[in-house]
Protein backbone atom coordinates (compact mmCIF):
# COMPACT_ATOMS: atom_id res chain seq x y z
CA MET A 1 57.36 120.78 148.24
CA PRO A 2 56.53 123.87 149.63
CA ASP A 3 53.53 124.37 147.61
CA SER A 4 51.40 121.35 149.04
CA PRO A 5 49.86 121.20 151.44
CA ALA A 6 50.62 118.70 154.67
CA GLY A 7 47.64 116.31 153.66
CA THR A 8 49.36 115.83 150.53
CA ALA A 9 52.55 115.42 151.34
CA MET A 10 51.38 112.60 153.60
CA THR A 11 49.29 110.68 150.94
CA ASP A 12 52.32 111.31 148.31
CA SER A 13 54.14 109.53 151.14
CA PRO A 14 55.39 105.80 151.35
CA ALA A 15 53.52 105.84 155.15
CA GLY A 16 50.44 107.51 154.07
CA THR A 17 49.86 105.54 150.59
CA ALA A 18 49.87 102.40 153.28
CA LYS A 19 47.75 104.58 155.67
CA ALA A 20 45.19 105.09 153.49
CA GLY A 21 44.87 100.70 152.49
CA SER A 22 47.05 100.09 150.16
CA PRO A 23 49.09 96.39 150.52
CA ALA A 24 51.87 96.55 152.99
CA GLY A 25 54.07 95.38 149.61
CA THR A 26 53.84 98.87 147.91
CA ALA A 27 54.88 100.72 151.20
CA LYS A 28 58.10 98.15 150.98
CA ALA A 29 58.48 98.30 147.30
CA ASP A 30 58.59 102.08 147.61
CA HIS A 31 61.76 102.03 150.48
CA PRO A 32 65.17 100.74 147.47
CA SER A 33 66.95 97.78 149.43
CA ALA A 34 70.87 97.51 150.86
CA ALA A 35 71.65 96.51 146.74
CA ASP A 36 69.48 98.70 145.23
CA ARG A 37 71.48 102.13 147.36
CA SER A 38 74.72 100.94 147.03
CA PRO A 39 75.14 99.05 143.22
CA HIS A 40 78.74 99.60 143.32
CA LEU A 41 79.13 97.18 146.54
CA SER A 42 78.09 94.09 143.85
CA ALA A 43 79.16 95.72 140.93
CA ARG A 44 82.79 96.39 141.56
CA HIS A 45 83.61 93.75 144.24
CA PRO A 46 81.59 90.78 143.50
CA ARG A 47 83.83 88.86 145.88
CA THR A 48 83.04 91.15 148.95
CA ALA A 49 79.24 91.18 148.05
CA HIS A 50 78.62 88.06 149.54
CA ASN A 51 79.33 88.18 152.93
CA ALA A 52 82.62 86.85 152.40
CA ARG A 53 84.28 85.71 155.72
CA PRO A 54 87.52 88.12 156.82
CA VAL A 55 90.69 86.13 157.67
CA HIS A 56 91.48 85.75 161.14
CA PRO A 57 93.94 88.38 162.32
CA ALA A 58 96.23 85.92 163.95
CA ALA A 59 96.55 83.88 160.76
CA TRP A 60 97.82 87.63 159.05
CA TRP A 61 100.54 87.66 162.07
CA LEU A 62 101.21 83.84 161.81
CA TRP A 63 101.84 84.52 157.96
CA SER A 64 104.11 87.49 158.64
CA LEU A 65 106.37 86.17 161.46
CA SER A 66 106.63 83.02 159.25
CA LEU A 67 108.25 85.67 156.71
CA GLY A 68 110.37 86.59 159.23
CA THR A 69 111.57 83.67 160.30
CA ALA A 70 112.37 82.57 156.99
CA ALA A 71 114.52 85.86 156.30
CA THR A 72 116.98 84.75 159.55
CA ARG A 73 117.44 81.87 157.83
CA THR A 74 119.10 83.37 154.86
CA THR A 75 121.43 85.62 153.99
CA ASN A 76 121.52 86.01 150.30
CA PRO A 77 120.12 89.39 149.06
CA LEU A 78 118.21 87.69 146.52
CA LEU A 79 116.08 85.58 148.52
CA LEU A 80 115.61 88.70 150.99
CA ALA A 81 114.34 90.77 147.98
CA LEU A 82 111.70 88.49 146.81
CA LEU A 83 110.67 88.25 150.50
CA ILE A 84 110.17 91.75 150.65
CA ALA A 85 108.12 91.78 147.60
CA THR A 86 106.36 89.12 148.36
CA SER A 87 104.88 90.86 151.52
CA ALA A 88 104.63 94.19 149.62
CA TYR A 89 102.54 92.29 146.93
CA VAL A 90 100.17 90.56 149.53
CA VAL A 91 99.46 93.81 150.96
CA GLN A 92 98.85 95.75 148.33
CA ALA A 93 96.11 93.38 147.56
CA SER A 94 94.39 92.29 150.47
CA ARG A 95 94.98 95.34 152.88
CA PRO A 96 92.03 97.01 154.22
CA HIS A 97 91.38 101.20 153.28
CA THR A 98 91.56 101.56 157.11
CA PRO A 99 93.67 104.26 158.81
CA TRP A 100 95.95 101.91 160.50
CA SER A 101 96.89 99.95 156.92
CA ARG A 102 98.85 102.58 156.18
CA SER A 103 101.28 101.96 158.75
CA TYR A 104 102.93 99.66 156.24
CA SER A 105 104.95 102.34 154.01
CA ALA A 106 106.47 104.14 157.28
CA PHE A 107 107.66 100.56 157.75
CA VAL A 108 109.55 100.43 155.17
CA LYS A 109 111.08 103.72 155.60
CA LEU A 110 112.21 102.26 158.56
CA ALA A 111 113.74 99.30 157.60
CA VAL A 112 115.87 101.41 154.98
CA THR A 113 116.93 103.86 157.17
CA VAL A 114 118.19 101.02 159.49
CA LEU A 115 119.59 99.49 156.60
CA LEU A 116 121.34 102.84 155.72
CA VAL A 117 122.56 103.36 159.59
CA ARG A 118 124.20 99.83 159.33
CA LEU A 119 126.53 100.62 156.21
CA VAL A 120 127.59 103.96 157.62
CA PHE A 121 128.65 102.32 160.95
CA ALA A 122 130.84 99.49 158.85
CA VAL A 123 132.10 102.78 157.16
CA ALA A 124 132.48 104.80 160.49
CA LEU A 125 133.60 102.44 162.71
CA GLY A 126 135.12 99.64 160.36
CA SER A 127 134.70 95.96 160.95
CA PRO A 128 136.57 92.58 162.37
CA ILE A 129 135.67 90.79 158.54
CA PRO A 130 138.88 90.67 157.04
CA GLY A 131 139.31 91.64 153.15
CA THR A 132 141.38 92.25 150.83
CA HIS A 133 139.79 94.28 148.15
CA THR A 134 140.19 97.95 149.81
CA LEU A 135 138.04 100.57 148.21
CA VAL A 136 138.92 103.74 150.05
CA THR A 137 140.95 104.30 152.65
CA LEU A 138 139.66 107.20 154.96
CA PRO A 139 141.42 109.34 157.85
CA GLU A 140 141.62 107.20 160.77
CA VAL A 141 141.49 109.06 164.23
CA PRO A 142 143.68 107.58 166.99
CA LEU A 143 141.57 106.41 169.91
CA PRO A 144 142.98 105.96 173.57
CA HIS A 145 143.91 102.56 175.08
CA TRP A 146 140.76 101.39 176.74
CA ALA A 147 138.91 102.00 173.25
CA GLN A 148 140.73 98.95 171.63
CA GLY A 149 138.93 96.86 168.88
CA ILE A 150 137.03 100.00 168.11
CA ARG A 151 138.39 101.88 165.10
CA LEU A 152 137.42 105.35 163.42
CA GLY A 153 138.16 105.61 160.07
CA GLY A 154 140.97 103.23 158.19
CA ASP A 155 140.71 100.55 155.22
CA LEU A 156 136.89 100.03 153.68
CA THR A 157 137.19 96.46 152.37
CA ALA A 158 134.47 95.57 149.71
CA GLU A 159 134.04 91.98 152.09
CA ALA A 160 133.45 94.40 154.89
CA LEU A 161 130.81 96.91 152.94
CA VAL A 162 128.85 93.85 151.90
CA PHE A 163 128.83 91.91 155.16
CA ALA A 164 127.19 95.01 156.55
CA LEU A 165 124.52 95.21 153.42
CA TYR A 166 123.78 91.61 154.26
CA ASP A 167 123.22 92.07 157.84
CA GLY A 168 121.14 95.28 157.58
CA LEU A 169 118.95 94.20 154.49
CA LYS A 170 118.33 90.63 156.69
CA LEU A 171 117.03 93.35 159.91
CA ALA A 172 114.82 95.47 157.42
CA THR A 173 113.16 92.25 156.03
CA LEU A 174 112.15 91.67 159.37
CA LEU A 175 111.04 95.00 159.70
CA VAL A 176 108.78 95.07 156.75
CA CYS A 177 107.25 91.49 157.54
CA VAL A 178 105.91 93.23 160.83
CA GLY A 179 105.12 96.13 159.21
CA ALA A 180 102.97 93.95 156.89
CA ALA A 181 101.15 92.56 159.74
CA ASN A 182 100.18 95.87 161.49
CA ALA A 183 98.74 96.48 157.64
CA LEU A 184 97.07 93.34 157.68
CA ALA A 185 95.45 92.41 160.69
CA SER A 186 93.05 94.63 162.62
CA PRO A 187 94.36 95.34 166.37
CA THR A 188 90.91 95.16 167.93
CA ARG A 189 90.09 91.85 166.19
CA LEU A 190 93.11 90.97 167.15
CA LEU A 191 92.20 91.47 171.18
CA LYS A 192 89.42 89.81 171.09
CA THR A 193 90.81 86.61 170.13
CA LEU A 194 92.74 86.47 173.01
CA PRO A 195 92.07 84.26 176.33
CA GLY A 196 90.67 86.20 178.88
CA ALA A 197 93.73 85.35 181.51
CA LEU A 198 95.99 87.19 178.50
CA TYR A 199 93.22 90.12 177.83
CA GLU A 200 94.91 92.98 180.21
CA THR A 201 98.32 91.99 178.89
CA GLY A 202 97.20 91.88 175.47
CA VAL A 203 95.08 95.58 175.80
CA ALA A 204 98.51 97.06 176.89
CA VAL A 205 100.11 95.12 173.40
CA VAL A 206 97.00 96.22 171.06
CA VAL A 207 97.69 100.29 172.62
CA ALA A 208 101.56 99.61 172.10
CA LEU A 209 101.22 98.00 168.67
CA THR A 210 98.49 100.64 167.19
CA PHE A 211 100.77 103.83 168.22
CA ALA A 212 102.34 104.12 165.29
CA PRO A 213 99.77 103.56 162.71
CA HIS A 214 97.87 106.09 164.70
CA LEU A 215 100.45 108.73 164.37
CA ILE A 216 101.18 107.82 160.73
CA ALA A 217 97.72 108.62 160.27
CA ASP A 218 97.61 111.74 162.12
CA VAL A 219 100.53 112.74 160.36
CA HIS A 220 99.11 112.37 156.89
CA ARG A 221 95.86 114.01 158.01
CA LEU A 222 97.65 116.97 159.90
CA ARG A 223 100.19 117.65 156.81
CA ALA A 224 97.14 117.16 154.01
CA ALA A 225 95.33 120.05 156.01
CA ARG A 226 98.52 122.04 156.16
CA ARG A 227 98.54 121.66 152.32
CA LEU A 228 95.00 122.55 151.55
CA ARG A 229 95.52 125.99 153.64
CA GLY A 230 98.86 126.83 151.72
CA ARG A 231 100.99 126.42 154.62
CA PRO A 232 104.80 124.28 154.38
CA ASP A 233 104.08 120.81 155.48
CA ARG A 234 108.37 119.50 154.86
CA GLY A 235 110.83 120.69 156.63
CA LEU A 236 112.21 121.59 160.11
CA ARG A 237 109.45 124.12 160.09
CA GLY A 238 106.66 121.87 158.85
CA LEU A 239 107.81 119.22 161.31
CA LEU A 240 107.46 121.56 164.47
CA GLN A 241 104.22 122.46 163.39
CA VAL A 242 103.11 119.10 162.93
CA GLY A 243 104.07 117.93 165.76
CA LEU A 244 102.36 119.89 168.32
CA PRO A 245 98.55 119.03 167.10
CA VAL A 246 99.55 115.34 166.79
CA LEU A 247 101.00 115.28 170.51
CA GLU A 248 97.36 116.69 171.41
CA GLY A 249 95.65 114.09 169.51
CA ALA A 250 97.61 111.40 171.29
CA LEU A 251 96.69 112.80 174.65
CA GLU A 252 93.03 113.06 173.97
CA ARG A 253 93.15 109.76 172.18
CA SER A 254 95.05 108.30 175.45
CA VAL A 255 91.54 110.00 177.85
CA ALA A 256 88.93 108.68 175.82
CA LEU A 257 90.49 105.35 175.76
CA ALA A 258 91.27 105.32 179.40
CA ALA A 259 87.18 106.58 179.90
CA ALA A 260 86.16 103.61 177.47
CA MET A 261 87.68 101.19 179.63
CA ASP A 262 86.48 102.30 182.80
CA ALA A 263 82.80 102.39 181.39
CA ARG A 264 83.44 98.87 180.34
CA GLY A 265 84.97 97.69 183.44
CA TYR A 266 88.53 97.00 182.67
CA GLY A 267 89.95 95.24 185.17
CA ARG A 268 87.27 93.55 186.58
CA THR A 269 88.04 89.59 188.06
CA SER A 270 85.77 87.23 189.56
CA ASP A 271 86.04 85.87 193.34
CA LEU A 272 87.62 82.40 192.86
CA PRO A 273 88.66 79.58 196.05
CA ALA A 274 92.76 80.11 196.95
CA ALA A 275 93.37 76.94 196.15
CA LEU A 276 92.44 77.78 192.25
CA ARG A 277 94.31 80.54 192.11
CA ARG A 278 97.45 78.67 193.50
CA THR A 279 96.98 76.24 190.88
CA THR A 280 96.53 78.47 188.33
CA THR A 281 99.58 80.44 189.35
CA ALA A 282 101.34 77.05 189.43
CA LEU A 283 100.66 75.80 186.47
CA THR A 284 101.41 79.08 184.00
CA LEU A 285 104.92 79.95 185.90
CA GLY A 286 105.79 75.88 185.65
CA GLY A 287 105.16 75.64 182.34
CA LEU A 288 106.68 78.83 181.30
CA LEU A 289 109.82 77.48 182.61
CA GLY A 290 109.46 74.05 181.13
CA VAL A 291 109.44 75.94 177.83
CA CYS A 292 112.22 77.82 178.86
CA ALA A 293 114.13 74.48 179.84
CA GLY A 294 113.19 72.87 176.67
CA THR A 295 114.00 75.30 174.45
CA TYR A 296 117.08 75.44 175.79
CA GLY A 297 117.46 71.67 175.62
CA LEU A 298 117.12 71.91 171.60
CA LEU A 299 119.10 74.57 171.60
CA THR A 300 122.27 72.78 173.29
CA ALA A 301 123.67 69.32 172.05
CA GLU A 302 123.39 67.37 175.49
CA GLY A 303 119.98 68.32 175.64
CA GLY A 304 118.32 66.22 172.50
CA THR A 305 116.98 63.38 174.95
CA TYR A 306 114.98 65.77 177.13
CA GLY A 307 114.21 68.98 174.96
CA VAL A 308 111.20 67.94 173.04
CA PRO A 309 109.23 65.92 176.06
CA VAL A 310 110.00 69.00 178.67
CA LEU A 311 109.11 71.79 176.13
CA LEU A 312 105.52 69.96 175.11
CA GLY A 313 104.51 69.52 179.10
CA GLY A 314 105.63 72.92 179.26
CA VAL A 315 103.43 74.14 176.61
CA ALA A 316 100.51 71.70 178.18
CA ALA A 317 100.97 73.14 181.74
CA ALA A 318 100.82 77.07 180.26
CA LEU A 319 97.78 76.30 178.59
CA ALA A 320 95.95 74.88 181.41
CA GLY A 321 97.18 77.72 183.44
CA LEU A 322 95.76 80.34 181.09
CA TRP A 323 92.78 78.71 180.74
CA LEU A 324 92.27 78.25 184.37
CA GLY A 325 93.53 82.23 184.45
CA GLY A 326 90.45 82.76 182.31
CA ARG A 327 88.06 82.10 184.29
CA ARG A 328 88.64 84.91 186.34
CA SER A 329 87.88 87.37 184.17
CA PRO A 330 84.39 86.74 182.83
CA ARG A 331 83.63 88.80 178.93
CA THR A 332 81.84 87.85 176.05
CA ARG A 333 82.72 88.10 172.42
CA TYR A 334 80.55 89.96 170.31
CA ARG A 335 80.30 88.36 166.67
CA PRO A 336 83.88 86.32 167.45
CA ASP A 337 86.17 85.85 164.63
CA THR A 338 86.92 81.81 163.70
CA TRP A 339 89.41 80.19 162.01
CA ASN A 340 88.05 79.48 158.77
CA ALA A 341 89.90 77.40 155.83
CA ARG A 342 90.80 80.67 154.25
CA SER A 343 92.54 81.35 157.54
CA CYS A 344 94.17 78.06 157.77
CA LEU A 345 95.43 78.21 154.23
CA VAL A 346 97.00 81.60 154.88
CA ALA A 347 99.05 80.68 158.04
CA ALA A 348 99.66 77.38 156.15
CA SER A 349 101.93 79.27 153.56
CA GLY A 350 103.65 81.30 155.32
CA VAL A 351 104.34 78.47 157.65
CA ALA A 352 105.49 76.29 154.67
CA VAL A 353 107.91 78.99 153.60
CA ALA A 354 109.64 79.21 156.98
CA ALA A 355 109.64 75.48 156.66
CA LEU A 356 111.34 74.99 153.83
CA LEU A 357 113.76 77.57 154.35
CA SER A 358 114.99 76.20 157.35
CA ALA A 359 115.66 72.82 155.30
CA ALA A 360 116.98 74.49 152.57
CA ALA A 361 119.66 76.29 155.45
CA ALA A 362 120.51 72.92 156.54
CA THR A 363 120.73 71.12 153.73
CA ASP A 364 122.26 73.77 150.79
CA PRO A 365 123.93 76.49 153.33
CA ALA A 366 126.03 77.40 150.41
CA ALA A 367 123.67 78.95 148.59
CA LEU A 368 121.05 80.79 151.28
CA HIS A 369 124.48 82.08 152.88
CA PRO A 370 126.47 83.61 150.00
CA GLY A 371 130.57 84.15 150.83
CA VAL A 372 131.96 86.94 152.11
CA VAL A 373 135.76 85.77 152.30
CA PRO A 374 136.52 85.75 149.55
CA LEU A 375 133.92 87.85 148.10
CA VAL A 376 131.21 85.67 145.84
CA ALA A 377 128.52 87.18 143.55
CA PRO A 378 125.27 85.55 145.53
CA VAL A 379 123.28 83.19 143.20
CA LEU A 380 119.23 82.66 142.92
CA PRO A 381 118.68 79.11 144.39
CA LEU A 382 115.60 77.85 142.77
CA TRP A 383 113.91 75.87 145.04
CA PRO A 384 114.23 77.77 147.99
CA ALA A 385 113.03 80.97 145.49
CA ALA A 386 109.68 78.99 144.68
CA ALA A 387 109.06 78.25 148.43
CA VAL A 388 109.12 81.85 148.76
CA LEU A 389 106.56 82.45 146.09
CA LEU A 390 104.13 80.43 147.89
CA GLY A 391 103.84 83.37 150.19
CA LEU A 392 101.99 85.39 147.40
CA LEU A 393 98.62 82.78 148.41
CA PRO A 394 97.37 84.79 150.63
CA ALA A 395 96.58 87.58 147.79
CA PHE A 396 94.75 85.39 146.23
CA LEU A 397 93.08 83.44 148.87
CA ALA A 398 92.11 86.37 150.82
CA PRO A 399 88.70 88.20 149.98
CA ALA A 400 89.38 91.75 147.89
CA PRO A 401 88.76 94.20 150.26
CA PRO A 402 86.19 96.33 150.20
CA ALA A 403 85.91 100.11 148.30
CA PRO A 404 85.47 103.14 150.18
CA ARG A 405 82.11 104.11 149.78
CA ALA A 406 81.37 107.39 147.79
CA PRO A 407 79.48 109.77 149.54
CA ASP A 408 75.78 109.55 148.24
CA LYS A 409 74.59 112.09 145.72
CA GLU A 410 71.78 114.45 147.09
CA GLN A 411 68.39 113.83 144.88
CA PRO A 412 67.47 117.18 143.82
CA SER A 413 64.27 118.14 145.08
């Protein structure tokens, strides 16, 4: 208000009104509350307006890895497609609006690429699977005697092609499940949940896990900028002109990360007695060896008696070593994530899918592994399919992600 004097502006302001003797409530009432400033938070997403606790990031990883474990128990393409559809629905319903959550589509493209490469290898290099239904006969390239067992070209049978399809689809499903974990779980929140002994290793793992999401976000941002400028963003030329800025952004991010880690005292340890350090090392190494020996015993017929006790003892020793090792790297957690009932249900739904499909593979292997020789059409088994649908529970249990806040409109002066 350029025409008003300073004193008038002062008395018209909330502060001036309070100064002149108006009650404090008058000044308070002039300032809108947070709910009044952003009514869309409560109107559009009522579940997020009441500070709903988010799902623990480890619960999302446990759910995703359990779906991946279920995928390893079957080669039925119908069940594998149902697992992919389940993870896609949950990701679409529950992923937050963040740059790293866009990595799911990249993992889907990678899964399709892996499937196509597996089929190309089966066509070009042949397959050890015998078959009687010849689809096409390719010209065969003779190879020297030291390359026996490998052929280029020859007869392509339907049995070999279907076997390659089942095998590639299983690996593609695993990649899609890992992509779901990357899209749903925040890497920084996951790092906060690690014990102190694994903090430095966890930082390296989190940096490696966030490399692909950050790279994809940079590529999307640069391609959008090139489209706005009317420049090509596809093809070899667009790829070459986008690659250099992406590499430059990755280097700048690395330097900023190194500076932030140094400022936060990354790698510092506290002095502990030598006896405690030796005890920690012995417990950790002994526990890991016990886990390996117990797992080997469970996988062999001879180790059925000692496998479970050795495995449990190794896990207990390893956990004790990690707890003692955490005392060497003191650190605090700001607003630590807690395992609430919602997180437990999300993790339990994934574990239930893996357990039920493992039981189905043991009781009815023919339904979960359709025959290739002779060639048999796959059939969707009912109760394993119903078990896979349990993986949809997180889409209804997890709180709805908050919508990206629209920029506030400027009030006319």
